[in-house]
Amino acid sequence: MTKENRKADQLIAVILSGIEDVKGQNINILDLREIENTVCDYFIICEGTSNTQVNAIVNSVQKKVSKEIKDKPWHIEGSDNAEWVLMDYVNVVVHVFQKHIREYYDIESLWGDAISTEIKTSY
């Protein structure tokens, strides 16, 4: 395993932990590495039940990643209305949706060639 893969795996684990800390739902990881011309290696997609929870997920992920691996997102978009917030960690992009917005855009289907991993939560 290369150093870059280990770093991505560690980042993904911390992001998932941040999502789970505030009970983010329907977590899915899309592995885009085998698809040509993608902007990143992984998408992590999840949803919150309200603007407040979407913002809580984003804040939780940001704090946890900053504290545990001293990294910060290159860019965050969508925080103002908190219906779809995108957190760009360069090789890993996190999409935090409200349910109706996630269903409307259905990005999992747009990236149907990606290897998809559903994360089971205990809540």
C-alpha atoms as a PDB file:
ATOM      1  CA  MET A   1       0.000   0.000   0.000  1.00  0.00           C
ATOM      2  CA  THR A   2       1.408   3.363  -0.973  1.00  0.00           C
ATOM      3  CA  LYS A   3       1.761   6.281   1.388  1.00  0.00           C
ATOM      4  CA  GLU A   4      -0.936   8.147  -0.558  1.00  0.00           C
ATOM      5  CA  ASN A   5      -3.394   5.240  -0.162  1.00  0.00           C
ATOM      6  CA  ARG A   6      -2.746   5.091   3.591  1.00  0.00           C
ATOM      7  CA  LYS A   7      -3.328   8.823   3.875  1.00  0.00           C
ATOM      8  CA  ALA A   8      -6.618   8.559   1.923  1.00  0.00           C
ATOM      9  CA  ASP A   9      -7.725   5.591   4.050  1.00  0.00           C
ATOM     10  CA  GLN A  10      -6.954   7.510   7.236  1.00  0.00           C
ATOM     11  CA  LEU A  11      -8.780  10.606   5.969  1.00  0.00           C
ATOM     12  CA  ILE A  12     -11.825   8.528   4.998  1.00  0.00           C
ATOM     13  CA  ALA A  13     -11.903   6.836   8.414  1.00  0.00           C
ATOM     14  CA  VAL A  14     -11.787  10.179  10.234  1.00  0.00           C
ATOM     15  CA  ILE A  15     -14.452  11.688   7.952  1.00  0.00           C
ATOM     16  CA  LEU A  16     -16.749   8.699   8.568  1.00  0.00           C
ATOM     17  CA  SER A  17     -16.213   9.037  12.301  1.00  0.00           C
ATOM     18  CA  GLY A  18     -17.110  12.737  12.116  1.00  0.00           C
ATOM     19  CA  ILE A  19     -20.306  11.936  10.211  1.00  0.00           C
ATOM     20  CA  GLU A  20     -21.280   9.182  12.633  1.00  0.00           C
ATOM     21  CA  ASP A  21     -20.621  11.406  15.691  1.00  0.00           C
ATOM     22  CA  VAL A  22     -23.631  13.540  14.736  1.00  0.00           C
ATOM     23  CA  LYS A  23     -25.703  10.683  13.315  1.00  0.00           C
ATOM     24  CA  GLY A  24     -25.352  11.383   9.592  1.00  0.00           C
ATOM     25  CA  GLN A  25     -27.473   8.932   7.630  1.00  0.00           C
ATOM     26  CA  ASN A  26     -27.221   6.751   4.498  1.00  0.00           C
ATOM     27  CA  ILE A  27     -23.443   6.984   4.224  1.00  0.00           C
ATOM     28  CA  ASN A  28     -21.984   5.804   0.940  1.00  0.00           C
ATOM     29  CA  ILE A  29     -18.406   5.794  -0.385  1.00  0.00           C
ATOM     30  CA  LEU A  30     -17.841   5.904  -4.133  1.00  0.00           C
ATOM     31  CA  ASP A  31     -14.397   4.753  -5.255  1.00  0.00           C
ATOM     32  CA  LEU A  32     -13.658   6.666  -8.463  1.00  0.00           C
ATOM     33  CA  ARG A  33     -10.053   5.542  -8.949  1.00  0.00           C
ATOM     34  CA  GLU A  34     -10.815   3.179 -11.849  1.00  0.00           C
ATOM     35  CA  ILE A  35     -12.771   5.821 -13.780  1.00  0.00           C
ATOM     36  CA  GLU A  36     -10.871   8.024 -16.221  1.00  0.00           C
ATOM     37  CA  ASN A  37     -10.735  11.812 -15.855  1.00  0.00           C
ATOM     38  CA  THR A  38     -12.254  12.115 -12.386  1.00  0.00           C
ATOM     39  CA  VAL A  39     -11.599  15.116 -10.191  1.00  0.00           C
ATOM     40  CA  CYS A  40     -10.828  13.038  -7.107  1.00  0.00           C
ATOM     41  CA  ASP A  41     -10.374   9.442  -5.898  1.00  0.00           C
ATOM     42  CA  TYR A  42     -13.374   9.149  -3.567  1.00  0.00           C
ATOM     43  CA  PHE A  43     -16.777  10.670  -2.900  1.00  0.00           C
ATOM     44  CA  ILE A  44     -18.267  10.257   0.536  1.00  0.00           C
ATOM     45  CA  ILE A  45     -21.995  10.922   0.432  1.00  0.00           C
ATOM     46  CA  CYS A  46     -24.335  11.220   3.402  1.00  0.00           C
ATOM     47  CA  GLU A  47     -27.441  13.051   4.485  1.00  0.00           C
ATOM     48  CA  GLY A  48     -28.847  14.986   7.391  1.00  0.00           C
ATOM     49  CA  THR A  49     -32.480  15.562   8.270  1.00  0.00           C
ATOM     50  CA  SER A  50     -32.333  19.384   8.415  1.00  0.00           C
ATOM     51  CA  ASN A  51     -30.151  22.423   7.706  1.00  0.00           C
ATOM     52  CA  THR A  52     -29.015  22.260  11.319  1.00  0.00           C
ATOM     53  CA  GLN A  53     -27.910  18.632  11.073  1.00  0.00           C
ATOM     54  CA  VAL A  54     -26.209  19.161   7.707  1.00  0.00           C
ATOM     55  CA  ASN A  55     -24.186  21.997   9.245  1.00  0.00           C
ATOM     56  CA  ALA A  56     -23.468  19.863  12.324  1.00  0.00           C
ATOM     57  CA  ILE A  57     -22.102  17.075  10.106  1.00  0.00           C
ATOM     58  CA  VAL A  58     -19.891  19.517   8.210  1.00  0.00           C
ATOM     59  CA  ASN A  59     -18.594  21.072  11.445  1.00  0.00           C
ATOM     60  CA  SER A  60     -17.991  17.660  13.020  1.00  0.00           C
ATOM     61  CA  VAL A  61     -16.020  16.404  10.018  1.00  0.00           C
ATOM     62  CA  GLN A  62     -13.999  19.612   9.829  1.00  0.00           C
ATOM     63  CA  LYS A  63     -13.093  19.582  13.538  1.00  0.00           C
ATOM     64  CA  LYS A  64     -12.278  15.887  13.635  1.00  0.00           C
ATOM     65  CA  VAL A  65     -10.064  15.957  10.530  1.00  0.00           C
ATOM     66  CA  SER A  66      -8.308  19.097  11.757  1.00  0.00           C
ATOM     67  CA  LYS A  67      -7.661  17.624  15.207  1.00  0.00           C
ATOM     68  CA  GLU A  68      -6.736  14.048  14.265  1.00  0.00           C
ATOM     69  CA  ILE A  69      -4.759  14.425  11.039  1.00  0.00           C
ATOM     70  CA  LYS A  70      -4.047  18.154  10.885  1.00  0.00           C
ATOM     71  CA  ASP A  71      -5.740  18.607   7.530  1.00  0.00           C
ATOM     72  CA  LYS A  72      -8.363  21.066   6.381  1.00  0.00           C
ATOM     73  CA  PRO A  73     -10.637  21.193   3.360  1.00  0.00           C
ATOM     74  CA  TRP A  74      -9.279  22.962   0.332  1.00  0.00           C
ATOM     75  CA  HIS A  75     -12.765  24.346  -0.282  1.00  0.00           C
ATOM     76  CA  ILE A  76     -16.273  24.191   1.240  1.00  0.00           C
ATOM     77  CA  GLU A  77     -19.335  25.120  -0.764  1.00  0.00           C
ATOM     78  CA  GLY A  78     -23.046  25.317   0.077  1.00  0.00           C
ATOM     79  CA  SER A  79     -22.909  26.117   3.787  1.00  0.00           C
ATOM     80  CA  ASP A  80     -25.216  29.112   3.408  1.00  0.00           C
ATOM     81  CA  ASN A  81     -28.396  27.159   2.703  1.00  0.00           C
ATOM     82  CA  ALA A  82     -27.119  23.784   4.013  1.00  0.00           C
ATOM     83  CA  GLU A  83     -29.110  21.686   1.563  1.00  0.00           C
ATOM     84  CA  TRP A  84     -26.020  20.310  -0.200  1.00  0.00           C
ATOM     85  CA  VAL A  85     -22.612  21.070   1.279  1.00  0.00           C
ATOM     86  CA  LEU A  86     -19.495  19.972  -0.570  1.00  0.00           C
ATOM     87  CA  MET A  87     -16.228  19.610   1.348  1.00  0.00           C
ATOM     88  CA  ASP A  88     -13.185  19.245  -0.908  1.00  0.00           C
ATOM     89  CA  TYR A  89     -10.198  17.482   0.649  1.00  0.00           C
ATOM     90  CA  VAL A  90      -8.610  17.226  -2.848  1.00  0.00           C
ATOM     91  CA  ASN A  91      -8.535  13.406  -3.240  1.00  0.00           C
ATOM     92  CA  VAL A  92     -11.655  12.909  -1.108  1.00  0.00           C
ATOM     93  CA  VAL A  93     -14.792  14.990  -1.643  1.00  0.00           C
ATOM     94  CA  VAL A  94     -17.568  14.872   0.947  1.00  0.00           C
ATOM     95  CA  HIS A  95     -21.167  15.580  -0.085  1.00  0.00           C
ATOM     96  CA  VAL A  96     -23.580  16.270   2.781  1.00  0.00           C
ATOM     97  CA  PHE A  97     -27.180  16.444   1.581  1.00  0.00           C
ATOM     98  CA  GLN A  98     -30.659  16.905   2.873  1.00  0.00           C
ATOM     99  CA  LYS A  99     -32.652  13.843   1.783  1.00  0.00           C
ATOM    100  CA  HIS A 100     -34.831  15.535  -0.864  1.00  0.00           C
ATOM    101  CA  ILE A 101     -31.841  17.240  -2.502  1.00  0.00           C
ATOM    102  CA  ARG A 102     -29.881  13.974  -2.555  1.00  0.00           C
ATOM    103  CA  GLU A 103     -32.800  12.194  -4.216  1.00  0.00           C
ATOM    104  CA  TYR A 104     -33.179  14.991  -6.778  1.00  0.00           C
ATOM    105  CA  TYR A 105     -29.524  15.047  -7.896  1.00  0.00           C
ATOM    106  CA  ASP A 106     -28.925  11.295  -7.415  1.00  0.00           C
ATOM    107  CA  ILE A 107     -25.170  11.586  -7.861  1.00  0.00           C
ATOM    108  CA  GLU A 108     -24.692   7.904  -7.049  1.00  0.00           C
ATOM    109  CA  SER A 109     -26.425   7.106 -10.358  1.00  0.00           C
ATOM    110  CA  LEU A 110     -24.349   9.699 -12.221  1.00  0.00           C
ATOM    111  CA  TRP A 111     -21.251   7.845 -11.032  1.00  0.00           C
ATOM    112  CA  GLY A 112     -22.726   4.389 -11.622  1.00  0.00           C
ATOM    113  CA  ASP A 113     -19.368   2.982 -12.776  1.00  0.00           C
ATOM    114  CA  ALA A 114     -17.808   3.697  -9.374  1.00  0.00           C
ATOM    115  CA  ILE A 115     -17.341   0.998  -6.770  1.00  0.00           C
ATOM    116  CA  SER A 116     -19.928   1.785  -4.115  1.00  0.00           C
ATOM    117  CA  THR A 117     -19.627   0.891  -0.438  1.00  0.00           C
ATOM    118  CA  GLU A 118     -22.547   1.467   1.894  1.00  0.00           C
ATOM    119  CA  ILE A 119     -21.550   2.172   5.492  1.00  0.00           C
ATOM    120  CA  LYS A 120     -23.837   0.552   8.054  1.00  0.00           C
ATOM    121  CA  THR A 121     -24.525   2.638  11.122  1.00  0.00           C
ATOM    122  CA  SER A 122     -25.758   1.403  14.482  1.00  0.00           C
ATOM    123  CA  TYR A 123     -28.293   4.161  15.134  1.00  0.00           C
END
